[in-house]
Protein backbone atom coordinates (compact mmCIF):
# COMPACT_ATOMS: atom_id res chain seq x y z
CA MET A 1 0.03 -0.07 0.04
CA LYS A 2 1.19 3.42 -0.86
CA TRP A 3 0.45 6.42 1.13
CA SER A 4 -0.19 10.00 -0.40
CA ALA A 5 -1.69 13.16 0.52
CA PRO A 6 -4.99 12.69 2.54
CA VAL A 7 -8.25 14.38 2.56
CA SER A 8 -9.32 15.86 5.86
CA LEU A 9 -12.87 15.62 7.36
CA ALA A 10 -13.45 18.31 9.90
CA LEU A 11 -16.05 16.87 12.35
CA ALA A 12 -18.53 19.08 14.13
CA ALA A 13 -21.02 17.57 16.61
CA THR A 14 -24.27 19.07 17.68
CA ALA A 15 -26.45 17.74 20.46
CA VAL A 16 -30.06 18.80 20.49
CA ALA A 17 -32.32 18.34 23.55
CA ALA A 18 -30.09 15.58 24.64
CA ASP A 19 -31.66 13.32 22.22
CA PHE A 20 -29.18 12.82 19.29
CA VAL A 21 -25.79 13.81 18.09
CA LYS A 22 -25.19 15.18 14.67
CA VAL A 23 -21.66 14.74 13.33
CA ASP A 24 -20.91 16.76 10.14
CA PHE A 25 -17.92 16.25 8.11
CA ASP A 26 -16.55 18.66 5.75
CA VAL A 27 -14.38 17.59 3.00
CA LEU A 28 -11.20 19.78 2.94
CA GLU A 29 -9.23 18.28 -0.09
CA LYS A 30 -5.38 18.37 -0.26
CA SER A 31 -3.46 17.50 -3.18
CA SER A 32 0.24 16.77 -4.15
CA SER A 33 2.06 15.88 -7.34
CA GLY A 34 0.59 12.93 -8.71
CA ALA A 35 -2.35 12.42 -6.39
CA LEU A 36 -5.86 12.04 -8.01
CA GLN A 37 -8.37 14.70 -7.53
CA ARG A 38 -11.56 13.87 -5.80
CA ARG A 39 -13.89 14.96 -8.83
CA ASP A 40 -11.84 12.51 -11.03
CA LEU A 41 -12.69 9.63 -8.84
CA ALA A 42 -16.20 7.97 -9.19
CA ARG A 43 -16.66 7.17 -5.42
CA ARG A 44 -17.59 8.55 -2.18
CA GLU A 45 -15.54 10.83 0.25
CA PRO A 46 -14.02 9.16 3.18
CA GLN A 47 -11.54 6.96 1.40
CA ALA A 48 -10.45 6.83 -2.22
CA VAL A 49 -8.97 3.82 -3.97
CA ASN A 50 -5.24 3.54 -4.76
CA ILE A 51 -4.54 3.35 -8.57
CA GLY A 52 -0.94 2.36 -8.81
CA ASN A 53 0.96 4.83 -6.64
CA GLN A 54 -1.86 7.46 -6.54
CA GLY A 55 -4.74 8.05 -4.19
CA HIS A 56 -5.97 9.88 -1.32
CA TRP A 57 -8.06 9.42 1.94
CA TYR A 58 -10.58 11.36 3.90
CA LEU A 59 -9.98 11.66 7.64
CA ALA A 60 -11.98 12.82 10.60
CA GLN A 61 -10.56 15.33 13.17
CA LEU A 62 -11.03 14.87 16.90
CA TYR A 63 -9.54 16.14 19.99
CA LEU A 64 -7.88 14.28 22.68
CA GLY A 65 -6.96 14.97 26.51
CA SER A 66 -7.13 18.01 28.45
CA SER A 67 -5.01 19.86 26.12
CA ARG A 68 -7.32 19.10 23.11
CA GLN A 69 -4.50 17.48 20.76
CA GLN A 70 -5.96 17.04 17.39
CA VAL A 71 -5.86 13.68 15.66
CA SER A 72 -7.06 12.61 12.20
CA VAL A 73 -9.00 9.23 12.07
CA LEU A 74 -11.05 7.23 9.57
CA LEU A 75 -14.61 6.92 10.43
CA ASP A 76 -15.38 3.22 10.11
CA THR A 77 -18.62 1.23 10.49
CA GLY A 78 -16.96 -2.13 10.06
CA SER A 79 -14.74 -1.98 13.28
CA SER A 80 -15.27 -0.98 16.85
CA ASP A 81 -12.14 0.55 18.46
CA PHE A 82 -11.02 4.03 18.60
CA TRP A 83 -7.30 3.87 18.06
CA VAL A 84 -4.64 6.59 17.84
CA VAL A 85 -1.00 6.74 17.62
CA ASP A 86 1.21 7.45 20.57
CA LYS A 87 3.72 10.38 20.24
CA ASN A 88 6.58 7.83 20.81
CA ALA A 89 5.22 5.15 18.75
CA ASP A 90 7.27 3.04 16.20
CA CYS A 91 5.33 4.37 13.16
CA GLN A 92 6.46 3.39 9.62
CA ALA A 93 3.97 3.72 6.99
CA PRO A 94 5.03 1.54 3.92
CA GLY A 95 7.39 3.46 1.65
CA GLN A 96 6.56 6.84 3.35
CA GLY A 97 8.74 6.95 6.51
CA ASN A 98 7.24 8.39 9.72
CA GLN A 99 3.77 9.96 8.53
CA CYS A 100 2.27 9.68 12.03
CA VAL A 101 3.44 13.32 12.62
CA VAL A 102 1.43 14.53 9.84
CA TYR A 103 -2.03 13.02 10.80
CA GLY A 104 -1.62 13.52 14.65
CA GLN A 105 -0.02 11.70 17.50
CA PHE A 106 -1.18 11.64 21.09
CA ASP A 107 1.24 13.05 23.61
CA THR A 108 -0.10 11.66 26.86
CA GLN A 109 2.19 13.68 28.99
CA GLN A 110 0.46 16.89 27.89
CA SER A 111 -2.94 15.65 29.21
CA THR A 112 -3.81 15.93 32.86
CA SER A 113 -6.88 13.92 32.21
CA PHE A 114 -4.91 10.91 31.00
CA LYS A 115 -5.14 7.60 32.69
CA ARG A 116 -3.19 4.42 32.23
CA ASN A 117 -5.19 1.75 33.82
CA ASP A 118 -3.06 -1.47 34.40
CA SER A 119 -6.31 -3.60 34.43
CA LEU A 120 -6.89 -2.76 30.72
CA PRO A 121 -5.36 -5.20 28.10
CA GLY A 122 -3.44 -4.78 24.99
CA PHE A 123 -4.89 -4.81 21.35
CA SER A 124 -3.46 -6.00 18.15
CA PHE A 125 -4.58 -5.69 14.44
CA SER A 126 -2.66 -7.36 11.63
CA TYR A 127 -3.73 -7.19 7.94
CA MET A 128 -2.96 -8.78 4.54
CA ASP A 129 -1.42 -5.65 3.01
CA ASP A 130 1.40 -5.91 5.61
CA THR A 131 0.09 -3.07 7.73
CA SER A 132 -0.45 -3.80 11.40
CA VAL A 133 -1.06 -1.88 14.71
CA SER A 134 -0.62 -2.87 18.37
CA GLY A 135 -0.54 -1.06 21.70
CA ASN A 136 -2.51 -0.84 24.99
CA TYR A 137 -5.91 0.50 26.04
CA VAL A 138 -5.87 3.74 27.98
CA GLN A 139 -8.59 6.32 29.07
CA ASP A 140 -8.89 9.98 28.46
CA THR A 141 -11.18 12.73 27.30
CA VAL A 142 -12.39 12.74 23.68
CA GLN A 143 -14.03 15.71 22.12
CA ILE A 144 -16.24 15.45 19.05
CA GLY A 145 -17.20 18.97 18.17
CA ASP A 146 -18.87 20.39 21.28
CA TYR A 147 -19.48 17.14 22.74
CA VAL A 148 -17.00 15.72 25.41
CA ILE A 149 -16.64 12.18 26.64
CA ASN A 150 -14.77 11.63 29.85
CA ASP A 151 -12.67 8.55 30.57
CA TYR A 152 -13.17 7.05 27.23
CA VAL A 153 -11.47 3.99 26.30
CA ILE A 154 -8.84 4.58 23.57
CA ALA A 155 -6.52 2.09 21.93
CA LEU A 156 -3.19 3.75 22.00
CA ALA A 157 -0.81 2.55 19.35
CA ASN A 158 2.80 2.19 20.25
CA LYS A 159 3.69 0.41 17.03
CA THR A 160 1.96 0.82 13.72
CA SER A 161 2.55 0.82 9.95
CA SER A 162 -0.48 2.95 9.30
CA PRO A 163 -0.01 6.59 9.49
CA TYR A 164 -3.46 7.28 11.03
CA GLY A 165 -5.92 5.82 13.32
CA VAL A 166 -9.57 4.81 13.13
CA LEU A 167 -12.73 5.68 14.91
CA GLY A 168 -14.78 2.40 14.73
CA ILE A 169 -18.54 2.64 15.44
CA GLY A 170 -19.55 -1.08 15.05
CA PHE A 171 -20.60 -3.48 17.55
CA SER A 172 -18.63 -3.29 20.91
CA GLY A 173 -18.25 -6.89 20.78
CA LYS A 174 -15.79 -6.70 17.89
CA VAL A 175 -12.98 -4.77 19.72
CA ALA A 176 -9.62 -6.04 19.14
CA SER A 177 -8.49 -6.64 22.79
CA ILE A 178 -5.91 -9.57 23.11
CA LYS A 179 -8.07 -10.76 26.11
CA SER A 180 -11.37 -12.40 24.92
CA ASP A 181 -13.34 -11.25 28.05
CA PHE A 182 -12.69 -7.57 27.46
CA ILE A 183 -15.49 -5.51 26.02
CA TYR A 184 -16.30 -1.97 26.67
CA PRO A 185 -18.88 0.54 25.37
CA ASN A 186 -17.56 2.08 22.28
CA LEU A 187 -18.74 5.49 20.73
CA PRO A 188 -22.41 4.60 19.95
CA GLN A 189 -23.05 2.68 23.14
CA ARG A 190 -21.30 5.22 25.26
CA LEU A 191 -23.58 7.90 23.68
CA LYS A 192 -26.66 6.05 24.79
CA ASP A 193 -25.08 5.09 28.32
CA ASP A 194 -24.43 8.96 28.94
CA GLY A 195 -27.92 9.56 27.90
CA LEU A 196 -27.34 11.77 24.89
CA ILE A 197 -29.34 9.27 22.74
CA LYS A 198 -32.07 7.08 23.33
CA LYS A 199 -31.18 4.14 21.13
CA ASN A 200 -27.84 2.63 20.01
CA LEU A 201 -28.44 3.56 16.42
CA TYR A 202 -26.91 5.80 13.81
CA SER A 203 -27.78 7.00 10.26
CA LEU A 204 -25.07 7.64 7.58
CA TYR A 205 -25.40 10.03 4.82
CA LEU A 206 -22.29 10.17 2.65
CA ASN A 207 -23.64 12.59 0.17
CA ASN A 208 -22.60 12.57 -3.71
CA ILE A 209 -19.17 12.45 -5.13
CA ASN A 210 -19.03 16.16 -5.67
CA ALA A 211 -20.24 17.29 -2.24
CA ASP A 212 -18.05 18.73 0.14
CA SER A 213 -20.00 17.57 3.36
CA GLY A 214 -21.92 14.61 4.72
CA SER A 215 -23.13 13.65 8.12
CA VAL A 216 -23.60 10.74 10.74
CA LEU A 217 -26.63 11.14 13.03
CA PHE A 218 -26.43 9.16 16.20
CA GLY A 219 -29.82 8.31 17.63
CA ALA A 220 -31.68 9.85 14.74
CA ILE A 221 -32.51 9.92 11.11
CA ASP A 222 -32.94 12.84 8.82
CA THR A 223 -36.06 11.99 6.56
CA ALA A 224 -35.21 15.06 4.24
CA LYS A 225 -32.53 12.83 2.90
CA ILE A 226 -34.66 9.80 2.09
CA ASP A 227 -36.54 9.48 -1.17
CA GLY A 228 -39.51 7.37 -0.44
CA GLU A 229 -39.51 4.70 2.41
CA LEU A 230 -36.87 2.78 4.38
CA THR A 231 -36.85 -0.95 4.03
CA THR A 232 -35.47 -2.66 7.15
CA VAL A 233 -33.81 -6.05 6.90
CA PRO A 234 -32.14 -8.24 9.61
CA LEU A 235 -28.44 -8.84 10.10
CA VAL A 236 -27.00 -12.28 9.33
CA ASN A 237 -25.52 -13.93 12.28
CA ILE A 238 -22.43 -15.62 10.73
CA TYR A 239 -21.00 -16.57 13.99
CA SER A 240 -24.31 -18.27 15.21
CA GLN A 241 -22.34 -21.31 16.82
CA LEU A 242 -20.28 -18.76 18.83
CA SER A 243 -22.44 -15.73 19.54
CA ASP A 244 -26.20 -15.58 19.95
CA LYS A 245 -26.29 -12.08 18.29
CA PRO A 246 -24.56 -10.60 15.18
CA ILE A 247 -21.31 -8.74 16.00
CA GLU A 248 -20.90 -7.21 12.49
CA VAL A 249 -23.00 -5.61 10.02
CA SER A 250 -23.73 -8.36 7.39
CA LEU A 251 -26.80 -8.79 5.32
CA GLU A 252 -28.28 -11.40 3.03
CA PHE A 253 -27.16 -10.40 -0.53
CA THR A 254 -29.86 -11.98 -2.76
CA LYS A 255 -29.53 -10.37 -6.22
CA LEU A 256 -27.28 -8.30 -8.48
CA THR A 257 -28.62 -6.95 -11.83
CA PHE A 258 -27.43 -4.56 -14.52
CA LYS A 259 -29.65 -2.42 -16.82
CA GLY A 260 -28.26 -0.87 -19.86
CA ASP A 261 -29.99 0.04 -23.19
CA SER A 262 -32.23 -3.02 -22.80
CA GLU A 263 -33.96 -5.19 -20.30
CA ALA A 264 -32.12 -5.72 -16.94
CA ASP A 265 -29.68 -8.72 -17.12
CA VAL A 266 -29.54 -10.86 -13.89
CA ILE A 267 -25.89 -11.20 -12.95
CA THR A 268 -26.91 -13.55 -10.09
CA ASP A 269 -29.88 -14.23 -7.77
CA ASN A 270 -27.95 -16.67 -5.57
CA LYS A 271 -27.73 -15.91 -1.97
CA TYR A 272 -24.61 -14.45 -0.55
CA VAL A 273 -23.51 -12.76 2.48
CA ALA A 274 -22.42 -9.17 2.27
CA MET A 275 -20.73 -6.88 4.74
CA LEU A 276 -21.48 -3.18 4.74
CA ASP A 277 -18.32 -1.37 5.31
CA SER A 278 -17.81 2.37 5.14
CA GLY A 279 -14.15 1.77 5.72
CA SER A 280 -13.90 0.26 2.28
CA THR A 281 -13.89 2.59 -0.58
CA ASN A 282 -14.69 -0.07 -3.31
CA THR A 283 -17.15 -2.80 -3.51
CA TYR A 284 -15.70 -6.27 -3.61
CA LEU A 285 -17.36 -9.43 -5.28
CA PRO A 286 -16.30 -13.08 -5.35
CA LYS A 287 -14.13 -13.31 -8.49
CA PRO A 288 -16.61 -15.35 -10.53
CA LEU A 289 -19.34 -13.06 -9.86
CA PHE A 290 -16.98 -9.99 -10.68
CA GLN A 291 -16.12 -11.52 -13.81
CA ARG A 292 -19.83 -12.04 -14.86
CA ALA A 293 -20.61 -8.19 -13.97
CA LEU A 294 -17.40 -7.09 -15.87
CA SER A 295 -18.48 -9.40 -18.90
CA ILE A 296 -22.01 -7.89 -19.05
CA VAL A 297 -20.81 -4.26 -19.15
CA GLY A 298 -18.35 -5.37 -22.07
CA GLY A 299 -15.23 -5.15 -19.97
CA TRP A 300 -11.87 -7.01 -19.80
CA THR A 301 -8.86 -7.16 -17.57
CA GLN A 302 -5.44 -6.11 -18.97
CA PRO A 303 -2.03 -7.94 -17.86
CA ASN A 304 -1.53 -4.98 -15.44
CA GLY A 305 -4.46 -6.19 -13.38
CA LEU A 306 -6.76 -3.33 -14.25
CA SER A 307 -10.28 -3.86 -15.53
CA TYR A 308 -11.48 -1.63 -18.48
CA ILE A 309 -14.75 -0.81 -20.16
CA GLU A 310 -15.93 1.58 -22.84
CA CYS A 311 -16.62 4.77 -21.11
CA PRO A 312 -20.46 5.18 -20.44
CA LYS A 313 -21.99 7.70 -22.83
CA ASP A 314 -24.96 8.42 -20.60
CA ASP A 315 -26.05 7.99 -16.92
CA SER A 316 -28.82 5.67 -17.50
CA SER A 317 -26.98 2.39 -17.02
CA THR A 318 -27.00 1.04 -13.45
CA PHE A 319 -26.38 -1.83 -11.29
CA THR A 320 -28.85 -2.85 -8.69
CA PHE A 321 -27.62 -4.40 -5.40
CA GLY A 322 -30.59 -6.45 -3.83
CA PHE A 323 -30.48 -7.22 -0.13
CA ASN A 324 -33.58 -9.28 0.65
CA GLY A 325 -35.95 -6.63 -0.59
CA ALA A 326 -33.90 -3.54 -0.07
CA ASN A 327 -32.25 -2.28 -3.21
CA ILE A 328 -29.48 0.07 -4.01
CA GLU A 329 -29.04 1.54 -7.37
CA VAL A 330 -25.62 2.60 -8.63
CA PRO A 331 -25.04 4.40 -11.96
CA LEU A 332 -22.23 2.80 -13.89
CA GLU A 333 -20.71 6.16 -14.75
CA GLU A 334 -19.94 6.56 -10.96
CA LEU A 335 -18.01 3.02 -10.90
CA VAL A 336 -15.45 4.15 -13.57
CA ILE A 337 -12.49 6.76 -14.14
CA PRO A 338 -11.19 7.72 -17.41
CA SER A 339 -8.01 5.92 -18.48
CA SER A 340 -4.92 7.94 -19.14
CA ASP A 341 -3.30 5.24 -21.21
CA ILE A 342 -6.29 3.93 -23.43
CA GLU A 343 -8.15 6.50 -25.32
CA GLY A 344 -12.01 6.34 -25.01
CA LYS A 345 -11.69 3.76 -22.27
CA CYS A 346 -12.43 3.80 -18.55
CA ILE A 347 -11.04 1.91 -15.80
CA PHE A 348 -13.78 -0.12 -13.87
CA THR A 349 -12.53 0.64 -10.26
CA GLY A 350 -15.84 0.97 -8.15
CA ILE A 351 -16.28 -2.83 -8.15
CA LEU A 352 -13.23 -5.12 -7.78
CA PRO A 353 -12.73 -8.85 -7.35
CA SER A 354 -12.20 -10.23 -3.94
CA SER A 355 -9.16 -12.61 -3.36
CA ASN A 356 -11.79 -14.81 -1.36
CA ASP A 357 -15.44 -15.82 -1.62
CA LEU A 358 -16.33 -12.62 -0.04
CA ALA A 359 -18.77 -9.81 -0.76
CA ILE A 360 -18.04 -6.41 0.90
CA VAL A 361 -20.31 -3.54 -0.01
CA GLY A 362 -18.07 -0.28 0.26
CA ASP A 363 -18.50 3.32 -0.27
CA SER A 364 -18.82 2.99 -3.98
CA VAL A 365 -22.35 1.52 -3.54
CA LEU A 366 -23.21 2.84 -0.01
CA ARG A 367 -23.13 6.59 -0.96
CA HIS A 368 -26.31 5.66 -3.19
CA ALA A 369 -28.21 4.78 -0.16
CA TYR A 370 -29.39 6.41 3.23
CA LEU A 371 -28.38 3.86 5.86
CA VAL A 372 -29.62 3.33 9.31
CA TYR A 373 -27.50 1.09 11.38
CA ASP A 374 -29.59 -0.17 14.47
CA LEU A 375 -27.12 -1.98 16.60
CA GLU A 376 -29.65 -2.49 19.47
CA ASP A 377 -32.07 -4.63 17.40
CA TYR A 378 -29.42 -6.07 14.92
CA GLN A 379 -30.95 -4.74 11.67
CA ILE A 380 -30.36 -2.32 8.86
CA SER A 381 -32.65 0.23 7.15
CA ILE A 382 -31.94 1.21 3.48
CA GLY A 383 -33.44 3.81 1.64
CA LYS A 384 -33.04 5.60 -1.69
CA VAL A 385 -30.82 8.64 -0.97
CA LYS A 386 -31.87 12.17 -1.69
CA TYR A 387 -29.02 14.60 -2.05
CA THR A 388 -30.06 17.76 -0.31
CA ASN A 389 -29.04 20.33 2.19
CA ASP A 390 -32.37 20.14 3.86
CA SER A 391 -32.98 18.55 6.96
CA ASP A 392 -35.90 17.01 8.86
CA ILE A 393 -34.33 15.16 11.81
CA HIS A 394 -36.45 12.59 14.04
CA GLU A 395 -34.79 11.10 17.04
CA VAL A 396 -35.39 7.37 17.37
CA ASP A 397 -36.31 5.63 20.59
CA GLY A 398 -38.13 2.68 19.10
CA THR A 399 -39.23 1.81 15.52
CA LEU A 400 -38.27 3.95 12.63
CA PRO A 401 -40.83 6.26 11.02
CA SER A 402 -41.76 5.38 7.37
CA ALA A 403 -40.06 2.00 7.38
CA SER A 404 -41.29 -1.35 6.01
CA VAL A 405 -39.81 -4.41 7.71
CA ILE A 406 -38.68 -7.42 5.84
CA GLU A 407 -38.52 -10.77 7.74
CA SER A 408 -35.61 -13.22 6.77
CA ALA A 409 -35.42 -16.93 7.35
CA VAL A 410 -32.10 -17.13 6.04
CA THR A 411 -29.93 -20.41 6.73
CA LEU A 412 -26.36 -19.99 5.47
CA SER A 413 -23.48 -22.40 5.88
CA THR A 414 -20.83 -19.85 5.66
CA LEU A 415 -18.72 -20.36 8.72
CA ALA A 416 -15.98 -22.29 7.27
CA SER A 417 -15.24 -19.98 4.33
CA TYR A 418 -15.60 -17.08 6.66
CA ALA A 419 -13.11 -18.60 9.00
CA GLU A 420 -10.72 -18.97 6.08
CA ALA A 421 -10.95 -15.29 5.34
CA THR A 422 -10.55 -14.32 8.83
CA ALA A 423 -7.36 -16.58 9.20
CA ALA A 424 -5.85 -14.86 6.34
CA ALA A 425 -6.99 -11.42 7.85
CA VAL A 426 -8.12 -8.40 6.05
CA ALA A 427 -6.55 -5.28 4.87
CA TYR A 428 -6.22 -1.96 6.47
CA PRO A 429 -8.07 0.42 6.73
CA GLN A 430 -11.20 -1.76 7.14
CA GLY A 431 -10.17 -2.44 10.66
CA SER A 432 -12.21 -5.74 10.54
CA LEU A 433 -11.23 -9.26 11.68
CA THR A 434 -7.78 -10.61 12.64
CA VAL A 435 -6.70 -14.11 13.60
CA THR A 436 -6.34 -13.06 17.14
CA TRP A 437 -9.88 -11.75 17.31
CA TYR A 438 -11.18 -14.94 15.94
CA ARG A 439 -9.20 -17.07 18.32
CA ASP A 440 -10.72 -15.06 21.24
CA LEU A 441 -14.15 -15.26 19.68
CA LEU A 442 -13.84 -19.15 19.66
CA ALA A 443 -12.62 -19.20 23.28
CA LYS A 444 -15.89 -17.33 24.31
CA GLY A 445 -17.68 -20.12 22.68
CA ASN A 446 -15.78 -22.92 24.45
CA LYS A 447 -14.02 -23.96 21.34
CA ALA A 448 -10.43 -24.34 20.31
CA MET A 449 -8.29 -24.37 17.23
CA ASN A 450 -6.02 -27.32 17.61
CA ASP A 451 -7.22 -29.81 15.04
CA THR A 452 -9.57 -30.18 11.84
CA GLY A 453 -12.17 -31.60 14.01
CA LEU A 454 -12.88 -28.10 15.33
CA ILE A 455 -13.83 -26.64 11.76
CA LEU A 456 -15.99 -29.86 10.97
CA ASP A 457 -17.73 -29.60 14.19
CA MET A 458 -18.68 -26.04 13.53
CA VAL A 459 -19.62 -26.74 9.97
CA THR A 460 -21.75 -29.89 10.68
CA ASP A 461 -23.64 -28.09 13.47
CA GLY A 462 -27.39 -28.80 12.94
CA LYS A 463 -27.89 -25.20 12.15
CA ASN A 464 -25.78 -25.54 8.99
CA GLY A 465 -27.47 -28.70 7.29
CA SER A 466 -25.46 -30.07 4.50
CA SER A 467 -22.35 -27.73 4.86
CA ALA A 468 -20.14 -30.57 6.27
CA ALA A 469 -19.49 -31.42 2.47
CA ALA A 470 -18.22 -28.07 1.94
CA ALA A 471 -15.86 -28.24 4.70
CA THR A 472 -14.42 -31.65 3.37
CA GLY A 473 -13.86 -30.13 -0.07
CA SER A 474 -16.67 -31.76 -2.01
CA GLY A 475 -19.26 -29.78 -3.86
CA SER A 476 -19.05 -27.73 -7.03
CA GLY A 477 -15.95 -25.88 -6.42
CA GLY A 478 -15.81 -22.43 -7.83
CA ASP A 479 -12.90 -20.42 -9.09
CA SER A 480 -9.81 -21.52 -7.10
CA SER A 481 -7.97 -18.22 -7.83
CA ALA A 482 -10.60 -16.46 -5.81
CA ARG A 483 -9.00 -18.06 -2.82
CA ASP A 484 -5.44 -17.07 -3.33
CA SER A 485 -4.47 -16.10 0.36
CA SER A 486 -1.33 -14.41 -0.81
CA ALA A 487 -3.29 -11.78 -2.65
CA LYS A 488 -3.08 -8.30 -0.74
CA SER A 489 -6.59 -7.36 -1.05
CA THR A 490 -8.35 -4.30 0.37
CA SER A 491 -11.49 -6.23 1.07
CA GLY A 492 -13.29 -6.29 4.50
CA ALA A 493 -14.50 -9.53 6.00
CA SER A 494 -17.56 -11.27 4.78
CA THR A 495 -18.49 -14.29 2.67
CA THR A 496 -20.69 -15.91 0.18
CA ALA A 497 -23.16 -18.73 0.91
CA ALA A 498 -21.50 -22.25 0.70
CA SER A 499 -24.93 -23.73 0.25
CA SER A 500 -25.30 -22.31 -3.27
CA SER A 501 -25.07 -25.17 -5.93
CA LYS A 502 -24.97 -23.10 -9.19
CA GLY A 503 -21.67 -23.49 -10.69
CA ASP A 504 -19.08 -20.80 -9.92
CA ASP A 505 -21.51 -19.32 -7.32
CA ALA A 506 -20.83 -22.26 -4.95
CA ALA A 507 -18.67 -21.15 -2.01
CA ALA A 508 -17.20 -24.68 -1.18
CA LEU A 509 -13.81 -24.94 0.70
CA ALA A 510 -11.28 -27.13 -0.74
CA THR A 511 -9.31 -29.64 1.54
CA PRO A 512 -6.08 -27.74 0.93
CA TRP A 513 -7.42 -24.67 2.48
CA MET A 514 -8.60 -26.47 5.32
CA ALA A 515 -5.08 -27.55 6.05
CA MET A 516 -3.77 -24.12 5.40
CA LEU A 517 -6.41 -22.53 7.80
CA ILE A 518 -5.61 -24.91 10.55
CA GLY A 519 -1.89 -24.21 9.99
CA LEU A 520 -2.43 -20.30 10.09
CA LEU A 521 -4.87 -20.49 13.11
CA SER A 522 -2.42 -22.93 15.09
CA MET A 523 0.26 -20.34 15.09
CA PHE A 524 -1.92 -17.99 17.14
CA VAL A 525 -3.09 -20.75 19.88
């Protein structure tokens, strides 16, 4: 991964009648020689994809300690910890030297409110792109706009190869502690515990590609930014053998279609699982599914690894992502950028192939929806976004206004392939699962990782039906290249349904992968 000039997000938080917190982020673009400009990238603000050695990121500004030290962090719905870089940290971003000074380090000696609690454990992330972070949990004051949280748990990194931290607002149960029994209330839960919001819920409005602002509403929704009604769908609990409730935002991904000049083409109507991850700029599809999508739009992949299509001549062509009744429409023209080396051609960058059987719905799709993350009732509400400066904010303490609820009886045998992706770990800056985290989750479920019987036991659990065949390598296979663990992907952590039986859509695990998985996991036991 190459680092270049970031784009900053200046956060301002407003609390109204102690019932919700609105966080506005202003996009303040910076540029450097060779960096792509935002309006040249067909994707949303908080993190842009790297193309070669170019790219930029969008960061949020928060203030730490009694001295209000400013740090820049990535707002991430796919992770749970708020981690920052210590002033004395060993910080070496790949190919860039010490960049942590640029994005903000926390000098604990300059804060009289800082607390180093010996009872708090350490934390650790490691990722496929060779970036990593580790350190210890501490406590101090965190300021978001005008709102101050006292004694907030902060993951203070003393060693990292990432130049900036992350503000994770996912489930508290997904924190990266090295102790399996350590869970603390992260930002959304803490806002509720402090009485500032009535429900552990937030809504995300990423705005259009050319906008210079967006917002996150904790405890409320803005109906002015919703075109029509919301559709509410339940989260999929991939770890049902280990946890009674979901601990990440994954949905049933039921359909992908493309509509050009003629009738819509169905790319797939098989069932997958997709993780919604605002920390991922792009959307990642299992390789066979990506290849069908690319083929339908007349695209091809060059030896340099980039995929190209004819540049769209109008804005009428769209992909539709279906999530069990909730749909997100994405114009093709916002998934491409003009090529500088092939005249008249565009690079297909908004959707990319995953290196595993994973589907990750990132910013290239999410910014075309208004999203409500209900971490209390384990559901997501999705509506067609309306790009507007108008606001009509409604605090939420129960059900959502103007929302239809879709019930799901999905049964997915995905744990084995999901464990495979987890063992390989995912790439920064998604801030998602690591081997350490998965090991600790297993410990919570009174399981261990010391033989192949572990995986077979999980997969052949009564809840998973016929998935034992997938674990032992039988079934219809799929493209083995989509399971290349050496690929340094920027995908998050999710998976397809192993119960699918339609050719390449099947997400069966091959026996060699099981051996590799156990080998990887055994190093961490």
